[in-house]
Amino acid sequence: MSDFRAVKEIWGVHSATFVDSDALVRILNMIADEAGLTCSDEHAYGMSVFWVEDGKDFLEAVKKLNDTDFDMFDQGDEAAGERTRPLVQNMKALADQWLAESLNPDGSLRFYVDD
């Protein structure tokens, strides 16, 4: 016997970024790992999907980030900070809205990252 159900997904506000999709997913994973959270990512439907089990704790970790936390993200890339600082600032600015509007009923959080 199999169970199935329809899924209602509500798309939240997007955040433009100057890092490529692989780098963004690595940064999301780094934030979750640093906070000790369970997460996963996969490529599906022509985009990357990042999932974190405890969306509230993840977004609280995002709000605590310093704008320069990922300046050295790409070792040897002196301009990395010019791309990661706006990303961190955007994520911090949207964290409260995502917290209010984008958590799944089980408390998890999913990001879809365009490739």
PDB file of N, CA and C in Angstrom:
ATOM      1  N   MET A   1       0.838  -1.166   0.000  1.00  0.00           N
ATOM      2  CA  MET A   1       0.000   0.000   0.000  1.00  0.00           C
ATOM      3  C   MET A   1       0.890   1.238   0.000  1.00  0.00           C
ATOM      4  N   SER A   2       0.520   2.218  -0.775  1.00  0.00           N
ATOM      5  CA  SER A   2       1.283   3.469  -0.853  1.00  0.00           C
ATOM      6  C   SER A   2       0.386   4.634  -0.489  1.00  0.00           C
ATOM      7  N   ASP A   3       0.972   5.605   0.151  1.00  0.00           N
ATOM      8  CA  ASP A   3       0.276   6.853   0.450  1.00  0.00           C
ATOM      9  C   ASP A   3       0.853   7.941  -0.433  1.00  0.00           C
ATOM     10  N   PHE A   4       0.022   8.881  -0.810  1.00  0.00           N
ATOM     11  CA  PHE A   4       0.520  10.037  -1.538  1.00  0.00           C
ATOM     12  C   PHE A   4      -0.380  11.212  -1.220  1.00  0.00           C
ATOM     13  N   ARG A   5       0.136  12.383  -1.447  1.00  0.00           N
ATOM     14  CA  ARG A   5      -0.651  13.583  -1.176  1.00  0.00           C
ATOM     15  C   ARG A   5      -0.193  14.700  -2.093  1.00  0.00           C
ATOM     16  N   ALA A   6      -1.075  15.622  -2.298  1.00  0.00           N
ATOM     17  CA  ALA A   6      -0.713  16.829  -3.046  1.00  0.00           C
ATOM     18  C   ALA A   6       0.105  17.731  -2.137  1.00  0.00           C
ATOM     19  N   VAL A   7       0.967  18.507  -2.719  1.00  0.00           N
ATOM     20  CA  VAL A   7       1.825  19.402  -1.943  1.00  0.00           C
ATOM     21  C   VAL A   7       1.548  20.833  -2.362  1.00  0.00           C
ATOM     22  N   LYS A   8       1.336  21.671  -1.400  1.00  0.00           N
ATOM     23  CA  LYS A   8       1.145  23.097  -1.662  1.00  0.00           C
ATOM     24  C   LYS A   8       2.420  23.814  -1.251  1.00  0.00           C
ATOM     25  N   GLU A   9       3.116  24.356  -2.194  1.00  0.00           N
ATOM     26  CA  GLU A   9       4.334  25.105  -1.897  1.00  0.00           C
ATOM     27  C   GLU A   9       4.072  26.568  -2.161  1.00  0.00           C
ATOM     28  N   ILE A  10       4.503  27.385  -1.243  1.00  0.00           N
ATOM     29  CA  ILE A  10       4.363  28.826  -1.381  1.00  0.00           C
ATOM     30  C   ILE A  10       5.753  29.400  -1.576  1.00  0.00           C
ATOM     31  N   TRP A  11       5.961  30.062  -2.678  1.00  0.00           N
ATOM     32  CA  TRP A  11       7.271  30.611  -2.982  1.00  0.00           C
ATOM     33  C   TRP A  11       7.463  31.902  -2.219  1.00  0.00           C
ATOM     34  N   GLY A  12       8.559  31.986  -1.479  1.00  0.00           N
ATOM     35  CA  GLY A  12       8.883  33.184  -0.725  1.00  0.00           C
ATOM     36  C   GLY A  12       9.587  34.212  -1.591  1.00  0.00           C
ATOM     37  N   VAL A  13       9.919  35.306  -0.964  1.00  0.00           N
ATOM     38  CA  VAL A  13      10.647  36.369  -1.638  1.00  0.00           C
ATOM     39  C   VAL A  13      12.020  35.842  -2.046  1.00  0.00           C
ATOM     40  N   HIS A  14      12.442  36.146  -3.250  1.00  0.00           N
ATOM     41  CA  HIS A  14      13.744  35.680  -3.708  1.00  0.00           C
ATOM     42  C   HIS A  14      14.834  36.672  -3.310  1.00  0.00           C
ATOM     43  N   SER A  15      16.046  36.176  -3.332  1.00  0.00           N
ATOM     44  CA  SER A  15      17.208  37.018  -3.065  1.00  0.00           C
ATOM     45  C   SER A  15      18.182  36.846  -4.211  1.00  0.00           C
ATOM     46  N   ALA A  16      18.456  37.907  -4.918  1.00  0.00           N
ATOM     47  CA  ALA A  16      19.457  37.850  -5.983  1.00  0.00           C
ATOM     48  C   ALA A  16      20.835  37.662  -5.346  1.00  0.00           C
ATOM     49  N   THR A  17      21.718  37.022  -6.068  1.00  0.00           N
ATOM     50  CA  THR A  17      23.047  36.757  -5.531  1.00  0.00           C
ATOM     51  C   THR A  17      24.079  36.819  -6.643  1.00  0.00           C
ATOM     52  N   PHE A  18      25.295  37.131  -6.270  1.00  0.00           N
ATOM     53  CA  PHE A  18      26.371  37.210  -7.247  1.00  0.00           C
ATOM     54  C   PHE A  18      27.310  36.011  -7.160  1.00  0.00           C
ATOM     55  N   VAL A  19      26.910  34.978  -6.407  1.00  0.00           N
ATOM     56  CA  VAL A  19      27.684  33.740  -6.364  1.00  0.00           C
ATOM     57  C   VAL A  19      26.933  32.703  -7.178  1.00  0.00           C
ATOM     58  N   ASP A  20      27.659  31.746  -7.741  1.00  0.00           N
ATOM     59  CA  ASP A  20      26.979  30.737  -8.543  1.00  0.00           C
ATOM     60  C   ASP A  20      26.212  29.775  -7.640  1.00  0.00           C
ATOM     61  N   SER A  21      25.348  28.979  -8.237  1.00  0.00           N
ATOM     62  CA  SER A  21      24.445  28.129  -7.449  1.00  0.00           C
ATOM     63  C   SER A  21      25.196  27.116  -6.598  1.00  0.00           C
ATOM     64  N   ASP A  22      26.271  26.532  -7.121  1.00  0.00           N
ATOM     65  CA  ASP A  22      27.044  25.574  -6.331  1.00  0.00           C
ATOM     66  C   ASP A  22      27.656  26.237  -5.098  1.00  0.00           C
ATOM     67  N   ALA A  23      28.185  27.434  -5.278  1.00  0.00           N
ATOM     68  CA  ALA A  23      28.769  28.159  -4.148  1.00  0.00           C
ATOM     69  C   ALA A  23      27.698  28.509  -3.124  1.00  0.00           C
ATOM     70  N   LEU A  24      26.528  28.921  -3.581  1.00  0.00           N
ATOM     71  CA  LEU A  24      25.449  29.276  -2.659  1.00  0.00           C
ATOM     72  C   LEU A  24      25.034  28.066  -1.832  1.00  0.00           C
ATOM     73  N   VAL A  25      24.885  26.918  -2.468  1.00  0.00           N
ATOM     74  CA  VAL A  25      24.492  25.709  -1.742  1.00  0.00           C
ATOM     75  C   VAL A  25      25.584  25.317  -0.747  1.00  0.00           C
ATOM     76  N   ARG A  26      26.844  25.475  -1.120  1.00  0.00           N
ATOM     77  CA  ARG A  26      27.937  25.185  -0.170  1.00  0.00           C
ATOM     78  C   ARG A  26      27.864  26.125   1.024  1.00  0.00           C
ATOM     79  N   ILE A  27      27.567  27.395   0.796  1.00  0.00           N
ATOM     80  CA  ILE A  27      27.458  28.363   1.896  1.00  0.00           C
ATOM     81  C   ILE A  27      26.286  27.994   2.804  1.00  0.00           C
ATOM     82  N   LEU A  28      25.142  27.629   2.224  1.00  0.00           N
ATOM     83  CA  LEU A  28      23.999  27.218   3.044  1.00  0.00           C
ATOM     84  C   LEU A  28      24.355  26.003   3.898  1.00  0.00           C
ATOM     85  N   ASN A  29      25.063  25.048   3.300  1.00  0.00           N
ATOM     86  CA  ASN A  29      25.515  23.880   4.053  1.00  0.00           C
ATOM     87  C   ASN A  29      26.469  24.268   5.175  1.00  0.00           C
ATOM     88  N   MET A  30      27.355  25.203   4.912  1.00  0.00           N
ATOM     89  CA  MET A  30      28.313  25.646   5.928  1.00  0.00           C
ATOM     90  C   MET A  30      27.587  26.292   7.113  1.00  0.00           C
ATOM     91  N   ILE A  31      26.564  27.087   6.830  1.00  0.00           N
ATOM     92  CA  ILE A  31      25.794  27.723   7.903  1.00  0.00           C
ATOM     93  C   ILE A  31      25.121  26.650   8.756  1.00  0.00           C
ATOM     94  N   ALA A  32      24.492  25.679   8.107  1.00  0.00           N
ATOM     95  CA  ALA A  32      23.823  24.605   8.842  1.00  0.00           C
ATOM     96  C   ALA A  32      24.822  23.771   9.641  1.00  0.00           C
ATOM     97  N   ASP A  33      25.951  23.434   9.030  1.00  0.00           N
ATOM     98  CA  ASP A  33      26.970  22.642   9.726  1.00  0.00           C
ATOM     99  C   ASP A  33      27.498  23.376  10.955  1.00  0.00           C
ATOM    100  N   GLU A  34      27.767  24.658  10.799  1.00  0.00           N
ATOM    101  CA  GLU A  34      28.282  25.462  11.914  1.00  0.00           C
ATOM    102  C   GLU A  34      27.279  25.505  13.066  1.00  0.00           C
ATOM    103  N   ALA A  35      25.987  25.486  12.734  1.00  0.00           N
ATOM    104  CA  ALA A  35      24.943  25.517  13.761  1.00  0.00           C
ATOM    105  C   ALA A  35      24.582  24.114  14.262  1.00  0.00           C
ATOM    106  N   GLY A  36      25.220  23.088  13.696  1.00  0.00           N
ATOM    107  CA  GLY A  36      24.962  21.717  14.122  1.00  0.00           C
ATOM    108  C   GLY A  36      23.604  21.185  13.685  1.00  0.00           C
ATOM    109  N   LEU A  37      23.131  21.634  12.520  1.00  0.00           N
ATOM    110  CA  LEU A  37      21.802  21.267  12.043  1.00  0.00           C
ATOM    111  C   LEU A  37      21.864  20.204  10.955  1.00  0.00           C
ATOM    112  N   THR A  38      20.853  19.374  10.906  1.00  0.00           N
ATOM    113  CA  THR A  38      20.727  18.359   9.872  1.00  0.00           C
ATOM    114  C   THR A  38      20.225  19.015   8.590  1.00  0.00           C
ATOM    115  N   CYS A  39      20.927  18.761   7.497  1.00  0.00           N
ATOM    116  CA  CYS A  39      20.538  19.351   6.220  1.00  0.00           C
ATOM    117  C   CYS A  39      20.908  18.418   5.087  1.00  0.00           C
ATOM    118  N   SER A  40      20.385  18.723   3.914  1.00  0.00           N
ATOM    119  CA  SER A  40      20.753  17.967   2.716  1.00  0.00           C
ATOM    120  C   SER A  40      20.564  18.872   1.508  1.00  0.00           C
ATOM    121  N   ASP A  41      21.177  18.473   0.419  1.00  0.00           N
ATOM    122  CA  ASP A  41      20.955  19.183  -0.835  1.00  0.00           C
ATOM    123  C   ASP A  41      20.977  18.182  -1.973  1.00  0.00           C
ATOM    124  N   GLU A  42      20.243  18.504  -2.994  1.00  0.00           N
ATOM    125  CA  GLU A  42      20.192  17.648  -4.175  1.00  0.00           C
ATOM    126  C   GLU A  42      19.852  18.498  -5.382  1.00  0.00           C
ATOM    127  N   HIS A  43      20.106  17.951  -6.530  1.00  0.00           N
ATOM    128  CA  HIS A  43      19.768  18.628  -7.773  1.00  0.00           C
ATOM    129  C   HIS A  43      18.498  17.981  -8.319  1.00  0.00           C
ATOM    130  N   ALA A  44      17.469  18.782  -8.522  1.00  0.00           N
ATOM    131  CA  ALA A  44      16.212  18.252  -9.035  1.00  0.00           C
ATOM    132  C   ALA A  44      15.474  19.342  -9.802  1.00  0.00           C
ATOM    133  N   TYR A  45      14.759  18.946 -10.821  1.00  0.00           N
ATOM    134  CA  TYR A  45      13.906  19.864 -11.570  1.00  0.00           C
ATOM    135  C   TYR A  45      14.671  21.056 -12.148  1.00  0.00           C
ATOM    136  N   GLY A  46      15.919  20.849 -12.509  1.00  0.00           N
ATOM    137  CA  GLY A  46      16.712  21.918 -13.103  1.00  0.00           C
ATOM    138  C   GLY A  46      17.190  22.958 -12.111  1.00  0.00           C
ATOM    139  N   MET A  47      17.178  22.594 -10.832  1.00  0.00           N
ATOM    140  CA  MET A  47      17.670  23.519  -9.810  1.00  0.00           C
ATOM    141  C   MET A  47      18.215  22.711  -8.642  1.00  0.00           C
ATOM    142  N   SER A  48      18.924  23.393  -7.770  1.00  0.00           N
ATOM    143  CA  SER A  48      19.411  22.760  -6.553  1.00  0.00           C
ATOM    144  C   SER A  48      18.389  23.002  -5.448  1.00  0.00           C
ATOM    145  N   VAL A  49      18.169  21.976  -4.641  1.00  0.00           N
ATOM    146  CA  VAL A  49      17.240  22.071  -3.525  1.00  0.00           C
ATOM    147  C   VAL A  49      18.041  21.862  -2.245  1.00  0.00           C
ATOM    148  N   PHE A  50      18.003  22.855  -1.362  1.00  0.00           N
ATOM    149  CA  PHE A  50      18.661  22.757  -0.063  1.00  0.00           C
ATOM    150  C   PHE A  50      17.567  22.647   0.995  1.00  0.00           C
ATOM    151  N   TRP A  51      17.688  21.669   1.893  1.00  0.00           N
ATOM    152  CA  TRP A  51      16.709  21.439   2.948  1.00  0.00           C
ATOM    153  C   TRP A  51      17.433  21.403   4.292  1.00  0.00           C
ATOM    154  N   VAL A  52      16.844  22.048   5.288  1.00  0.00           N
ATOM    155  CA  VAL A  52      17.388  21.992   6.639  1.00  0.00           C
ATOM    156  C   VAL A  52      16.240  21.630   7.581  1.00  0.00           C
ATOM    157  N   GLU A  53      16.511  20.686   8.478  1.00  0.00           N
ATOM    158  CA  GLU A  53      15.468  20.140   9.343  1.00  0.00           C
ATOM    159  C   GLU A  53      14.864  21.185  10.282  1.00  0.00           C
ATOM    160  N   ASP A  54      15.701  22.005  10.884  1.00  0.00           N
ATOM    161  CA  ASP A  54      15.216  23.022  11.826  1.00  0.00           C
ATOM    162  C   ASP A  54      15.388  24.405  11.213  1.00  0.00           C
ATOM    163  N   GLY A  55      14.372  24.815  10.480  1.00  0.00           N
ATOM    164  CA  GLY A  55      14.435  26.091   9.765  1.00  0.00           C
ATOM    165  C   GLY A  55      14.577  27.284  10.683  1.00  0.00           C
ATOM    166  N   LYS A  56      13.932  27.239  11.837  1.00  0.00           N
ATOM    167  CA  LYS A  56      14.016  28.367  12.767  1.00  0.00           C
ATOM    168  C   LYS A  56      15.449  28.555  13.253  1.00  0.00           C
ATOM    169  N   ASP A  57      16.086  27.475  13.689  1.00  0.00           N
ATOM    170  CA  ASP A  57      17.472  27.591  14.157  1.00  0.00           C
ATOM    171  C   ASP A  57      18.398  28.013  13.025  1.00  0.00           C
ATOM    172  N   PHE A  58      18.124  27.537  11.810  1.00  0.00           N
ATOM    173  CA  PHE A  58      18.939  27.935  10.665  1.00  0.00           C
ATOM    174  C   PHE A  58      18.837  29.441  10.433  1.00  0.00           C
ATOM    175  N   LEU A  59      17.616  29.958  10.429  1.00  0.00           N
ATOM    176  CA  LEU A  59      17.435  31.392  10.180  1.00  0.00           C
ATOM    177  C   LEU A  59      17.963  32.235  11.330  1.00  0.00           C
ATOM    178  N   GLU A  60      17.901  31.728  12.545  1.00  0.00           N
ATOM    179  CA  GLU A  60      18.517  32.440  13.670  1.00  0.00           C
ATOM    180  C   GLU A  60      20.034  32.498  13.481  1.00  0.00           C
ATOM    181  N   ALA A  61      20.612  31.419  12.964  1.00  0.00           N
ATOM    182  CA  ALA A  61      22.054  31.416  12.674  1.00  0.00           C
ATOM    183  C   ALA A  61      22.377  32.415  11.570  1.00  0.00           C
ATOM    184  N   VAL A  62      21.523  32.514  10.568  1.00  0.00           N
ATOM    185  CA  VAL A  62      21.723  33.480   9.478  1.00  0.00           C
ATOM    186  C   VAL A  62      21.735  34.897  10.047  1.00  0.00           C
ATOM    187  N   LYS A  63      20.805  35.198  10.942  1.00  0.00           N
ATOM    188  CA  LYS A  63      20.714  36.551  11.508  1.00  0.00           C
ATOM    189  C   LYS A  63      21.957  36.932  12.307  1.00  0.00           C
ATOM    190  N   LYS A  64      22.690  35.929  12.808  1.00  0.00           N
ATOM    191  CA  LYS A  64      23.894  36.188  13.605  1.00  0.00           C
ATOM    192  C   LYS A  64      25.160  36.292  12.762  1.00  0.00           C
ATOM    193  N   LEU A  65      25.065  36.034  11.465  1.00  0.00           N
ATOM    194  CA  LEU A  65      26.241  36.085  10.601  1.00  0.00           C
ATOM    195  C   LEU A  65      26.809  37.497  10.549  1.00  0.00           C
ATOM    196  N   ASN A  66      28.114  37.574  10.420  1.00  0.00           N
ATOM    197  CA  ASN A  66      28.778  38.836  10.096  1.00  0.00           C
ATOM    198  C   ASN A  66      28.840  38.933   8.582  1.00  0.00           C
ATOM    199  N   ASP A  67      28.729  40.127   8.064  1.00  0.00           N
ATOM    200  CA  ASP A  67      28.745  40.308   6.606  1.00  0.00           C
ATOM    201  C   ASP A  67      30.003  39.742   5.972  1.00  0.00           C
ATOM    202  N   THR A  68      31.093  39.696   6.718  1.00  0.00           N
ATOM    203  CA  THR A  68      32.383  39.256   6.174  1.00  0.00           C
ATOM    204  C   THR A  68      32.692  37.785   6.461  1.00  0.00           C
ATOM    205  N   ASP A  69      31.752  37.030   7.007  1.00  0.00           N
ATOM    206  CA  ASP A  69      32.028  35.634   7.377  1.00  0.00           C
ATOM    207  C   ASP A  69      32.504  34.765   6.219  1.00  0.00           C
ATOM    208  N   PHE A  70      32.123  35.089   5.007  1.00  0.00           N
ATOM    209  CA  PHE A  70      32.489  34.250   3.865  1.00  0.00           C
ATOM    210  C   PHE A  70      33.441  34.950   2.907  1.00  0.00           C
ATOM    211  N   ASP A  71      34.119  35.983   3.380  1.00  0.00           N
ATOM    212  CA  ASP A  71      35.080  36.695   2.529  1.00  0.00           C
ATOM    213  C   ASP A  71      36.164  35.769   1.990  1.00  0.00           C
ATOM    214  N   MET A  72      36.555  34.787   2.765  1.00  0.00           N
ATOM    215  CA  MET A  72      37.609  33.860   2.343  1.00  0.00           C
ATOM    216  C   MET A  72      37.013  32.538   1.860  1.00  0.00           C
ATOM    217  N   PHE A  73      35.760  32.568   1.437  1.00  0.00           N
ATOM    218  CA  PHE A  73      35.049  31.369   1.018  1.00  0.00           C
ATOM    219  C   PHE A  73      35.785  30.617  -0.084  1.00  0.00           C
ATOM    220  N   ASP A  74      36.146  31.317  -1.134  1.00  0.00           N
ATOM    221  CA  ASP A  74      36.917  30.703  -2.217  1.00  0.00           C
ATOM    222  C   ASP A  74      38.381  31.068  -2.015  1.00  0.00           C
ATOM    223  N   GLN A  75      39.128  30.133  -1.456  1.00  0.00           N
ATOM    224  CA  GLN A  75      40.539  30.370  -1.200  1.00  0.00           C
ATOM    225  C   GLN A  75      41.235  30.868  -2.460  1.00  0.00           C
ATOM    226  N   GLY A  76      41.973  31.927  -2.325  1.00  0.00           N
ATOM    227  CA  GLY A  76      42.721  32.469  -3.441  1.00  0.00           C
ATOM    228  C   GLY A  76      41.921  33.429  -4.317  1.00  0.00           C
ATOM    229  N   ASP A  77      40.638  33.559  -4.054  1.00  0.00           N
ATOM    230  CA  ASP A  77      39.818  34.493  -4.831  1.00  0.00           C
ATOM    231  C   ASP A  77      39.664  35.768  -4.016  1.00  0.00           C
ATOM    232  N   GLU A  78      40.470  36.760  -4.338  1.00  0.00           N
ATOM    233  CA  GLU A  78      40.490  37.994  -3.556  1.00  0.00           C
ATOM    234  C   GLU A  78      39.177  38.767  -3.656  1.00  0.00           C
ATOM    235  N   ALA A  79      38.388  38.513  -4.692  1.00  0.00           N
ATOM    236  CA  ALA A  79      37.134  39.240  -4.874  1.00  0.00           C
ATOM    237  C   ALA A  79      35.929  38.497  -4.279  1.00  0.00           C
ATOM    238  N   ALA A  80      36.165  37.369  -3.609  1.00  0.00           N
ATOM    239  CA  ALA A  80      35.050  36.572  -3.077  1.00  0.00           C
ATOM    240  C   ALA A  80      34.164  37.398  -2.162  1.00  0.00           C
ATOM    241  N   GLY A  81      34.745  38.225  -1.320  1.00  0.00           N
ATOM    242  CA  GLY A  81      33.968  39.030  -0.390  1.00  0.00           C
ATOM    243  C   GLY A  81      33.033  39.997  -1.080  1.00  0.00           C
ATOM    244  N   GLU A  82      33.426  40.473  -2.250  1.00  0.00           N
ATOM    245  CA  GLU A  82      32.563  41.386  -2.994  1.00  0.00           C
ATOM    246  C   GLU A  82      31.278  40.700  -3.433  1.00  0.00           C
ATOM    247  N   ARG A  83      31.311  39.372  -3.569  1.00  0.00           N
ATOM    248  CA  ARG A  83      30.127  38.618  -3.962  1.00  0.00           C
ATOM    249  C   ARG A  83      29.382  38.050  -2.759  1.00  0.00           C
ATOM    250  N   THR A  84      30.107  37.644  -1.716  1.00  0.00           N
ATOM    251  CA  THR A  84      29.444  36.998  -0.583  1.00  0.00           C
ATOM    252  C   THR A  84      28.850  37.997   0.404  1.00  0.00           C
ATOM    253  N   ARG A  85      29.428  39.183   0.537  1.00  0.00           N
ATOM    254  CA  ARG A  85      28.866  40.163   1.484  1.00  0.00           C
ATOM    255  C   ARG A  85      27.435  40.550   1.126  1.00  0.00           C
ATOM    256  N   PRO A  86      27.126  40.881  -0.143  1.00  0.00           N
ATOM    257  CA  PRO A  86      25.724  41.182  -0.475  1.00  0.00           C
ATOM    258  C   PRO A  86      24.798  39.989  -0.243  1.00  0.00           C
ATOM    259  N   LEU A  87      25.291  38.783  -0.489  1.00  0.00           N
ATOM    260  CA  LEU A  87      24.492  37.591  -0.234  1.00  0.00           C
ATOM    261  C   LEU A  87      24.123  37.501   1.246  1.00  0.00           C
ATOM    262  N   VAL A  88      25.110  37.628   2.117  1.00  0.00           N
ATOM    263  CA  VAL A  88      24.863  37.556   3.559  1.00  0.00           C
ATOM    264  C   VAL A  88      23.918  38.674   3.992  1.00  0.00           C
ATOM    265  N   GLN A  89      24.132  39.872   3.485  1.00  0.00           N
ATOM    266  CA  GLN A  89      23.260  40.997   3.836  1.00  0.00           C
ATOM    267  C   GLN A  89      21.821  40.731   3.397  1.00  0.00           C
ATOM    268  N   ASN A  90      21.628  40.194   2.189  1.00  0.00           N
ATOM    269  CA  ASN A  90      20.285  39.874   1.699  1.00  0.00           C
ATOM    270  C   ASN A  90      19.633  38.798   2.563  1.00  0.00           C
ATOM    271  N   MET A  91      20.392  37.750   2.879  1.00  0.00           N
ATOM    272  CA  MET A  91      19.846  36.673   3.694  1.00  0.00           C
ATOM    273  C   MET A  91      19.448  37.180   5.075  1.00  0.00           C
ATOM    274  N   LYS A  92      20.281  38.014   5.667  1.00  0.00           N
ATOM    275  CA  LYS A  92      19.958  38.564   6.986  1.00  0.00           C
ATOM    276  C   LYS A  92      18.717  39.450   6.913  1.00  0.00           C
ATOM    277  N   ALA A  93      18.604  40.234   5.855  1.00  0.00           N
ATOM    278  CA  ALA A  93      17.461  41.132   5.699  1.00  0.00           C
ATOM    279  C   ALA A  93      16.153  40.350   5.497  1.00  0.00           C
ATOM    280  N   LEU A  94      16.226  39.188   4.879  1.00  0.00           N
ATOM    281  CA  LEU A  94      15.031  38.396   4.596  1.00  0.00           C
ATOM    282  C   LEU A  94      14.732  37.331   5.653  1.00  0.00           C
ATOM    283  N   ALA A  95      15.640  37.115   6.593  1.00  0.00           N
ATOM    284  CA  ALA A  95      15.498  36.017   7.549  1.00  0.00           C
ATOM    285  C   ALA A  95      14.191  36.078   8.337  1.00  0.00           C
ATOM    286  N   ASP A  96      13.824  37.247   8.831  1.00  0.00           N
ATOM    287  CA  ASP A  96      12.576  37.342   9.605  1.00  0.00           C
ATOM    288  C   ASP A  96      11.357  37.054   8.743  1.00  0.00           C
ATOM    289  N   GLN A  97      11.366  37.535   7.513  1.00  0.00           N
ATOM    290  CA  GLN A  97      10.244  37.264   6.613  1.00  0.00           C
ATOM    291  C   GLN A  97      10.174  35.778   6.284  1.00  0.00           C
ATOM    292  N   TRP A  98      11.320  35.172   5.988  1.00  0.00           N
ATOM    293  CA  TRP A  98      11.340  33.732   5.721  1.00  0.00           C
ATOM    294  C   TRP A  98      10.869  32.955   6.945  1.00  0.00           C
ATOM    295  N   LEU A  99      11.278  33.410   8.125  1.00  0.00           N
ATOM    296  CA  LEU A  99      10.867  32.748   9.363  1.00  0.00           C
ATOM    297  C   LEU A  99       9.347  32.795   9.513  1.00  0.00           C
ATOM    298  N   ALA A 100       8.750  33.916   9.205  1.00  0.00           N
ATOM    299  CA  ALA A 100       7.308  34.090   9.348  1.00  0.00           C
ATOM    300  C   ALA A 100       6.514  33.373   8.264  1.00  0.00           C
ATOM    301  N   GLU A 101       7.082  33.244   7.068  1.00  0.00           N
ATOM    302  CA  GLU A 101       6.287  32.791   5.925  1.00  0.00           C
ATOM    303  C   GLU A 101       6.726  31.484   5.274  1.00  0.00           C
ATOM    304  N   SER A 102       7.935  31.015   5.530  1.00  0.00           N
ATOM    305  CA  SER A 102       8.476  29.952   4.677  1.00  0.00           C
ATOM    306  C   SER A 102       8.787  28.636   5.379  1.00  0.00           C
ATOM    307  N   LEU A 103       8.562  28.535   6.676  1.00  0.00           N
ATOM    308  CA  LEU A 103       8.811  27.255   7.339  1.00  0.00           C
ATOM    309  C   LEU A 103       7.725  26.257   6.954  1.00  0.00           C
ATOM    310  N   ASN A 104       8.122  25.023   6.757  1.00  0.00           N
ATOM    311  CA  ASN A 104       7.165  23.959   6.498  1.00  0.00           C
ATOM    312  C   ASN A 104       6.450  23.609   7.800  1.00  0.00           C
ATOM    313  N   PRO A 105       5.298  22.945   7.735  1.00  0.00           N
ATOM    314  CA  PRO A 105       4.573  22.599   8.962  1.00  0.00           C
ATOM    315  C   PRO A 105       5.407  21.830   9.989  1.00  0.00           C
ATOM    316  N   ASP A 106       6.400  21.057   9.521  1.00  0.00           N
ATOM    317  CA  ASP A 106       7.256  20.308  10.444  1.00  0.00           C
ATOM    318  C   ASP A 106       8.443  21.129  10.949  1.00  0.00           C
ATOM    319  N   GLY A 107       8.506  22.406  10.556  1.00  0.00           N
ATOM    320  CA  GLY A 107       9.581  23.288  11.008  1.00  0.00           C
ATOM    321  C   GLY A 107      10.791  23.317  10.099  1.00  0.00           C
ATOM    322  N   SER A 108      10.796  22.480   9.088  1.00  0.00           N
ATOM    323  CA  SER A 108      11.932  22.460   8.166  1.00  0.00           C
ATOM    324  C   SER A 108      11.831  23.638   7.204  1.00  0.00           C
ATOM    325  N   LEU A 109      12.906  23.842   6.476  1.00  0.00           N
ATOM    326  CA  LEU A 109      12.987  24.958   5.532  1.00  0.00           C
ATOM    327  C   LEU A 109      13.659  24.454   4.270  1.00  0.00           C
ATOM    328  N   ARG A 110      13.146  24.864   3.141  1.00  0.00           N
ATOM    329  CA  ARG A 110      13.699  24.462   1.857  1.00  0.00           C
ATOM    330  C   ARG A 110      13.992  25.688   1.014  1.00  0.00           C
ATOM    331  N   PHE A 111      15.147  25.694   0.384  1.00  0.00           N
ATOM    332  CA  PHE A 111      15.507  26.729  -0.576  1.00  0.00           C
ATOM    333  C   PHE A 111      15.662  26.078  -1.949  1.00  0.00           C
ATOM    334  N   TYR A 112      15.124  26.706  -2.956  1.00  0.00           N
ATOM    335  CA  TYR A 112      15.346  26.300  -4.332  1.00  0.00           C
ATOM    336  C   TYR A 112      16.315  27.303  -4.935  1.00  0.00           C
ATOM    337  N   VAL A 113      17.394  26.804  -5.492  1.00  0.00           N
ATOM    338  CA  VAL A 113      18.445  27.655  -6.040  1.00  0.00           C
ATOM    339  C   VAL A 113      18.517  27.446  -7.541  1.00  0.00           C
ATOM    340  N   ASP A 114      18.204  28.479  -8.307  1.00  0.00           N
ATOM    341  CA  ASP A 114      18.265  28.381  -9.750  1.00  0.00           C
ATOM    342  C   ASP A 114      19.687  28.084 -10.203  1.00  0.00           C
ATOM    343  N   ASP A 115      19.795  27.167 -11.161  1.00  0.00           N
ATOM    344  CA  ASP A 115      21.123  26.855 -11.721  1.00  0.00           C
ATOM    345  C   ASP A 115      21.478  27.818 -12.818  1.00  0.00           C
TER     346      ASP A 115
END
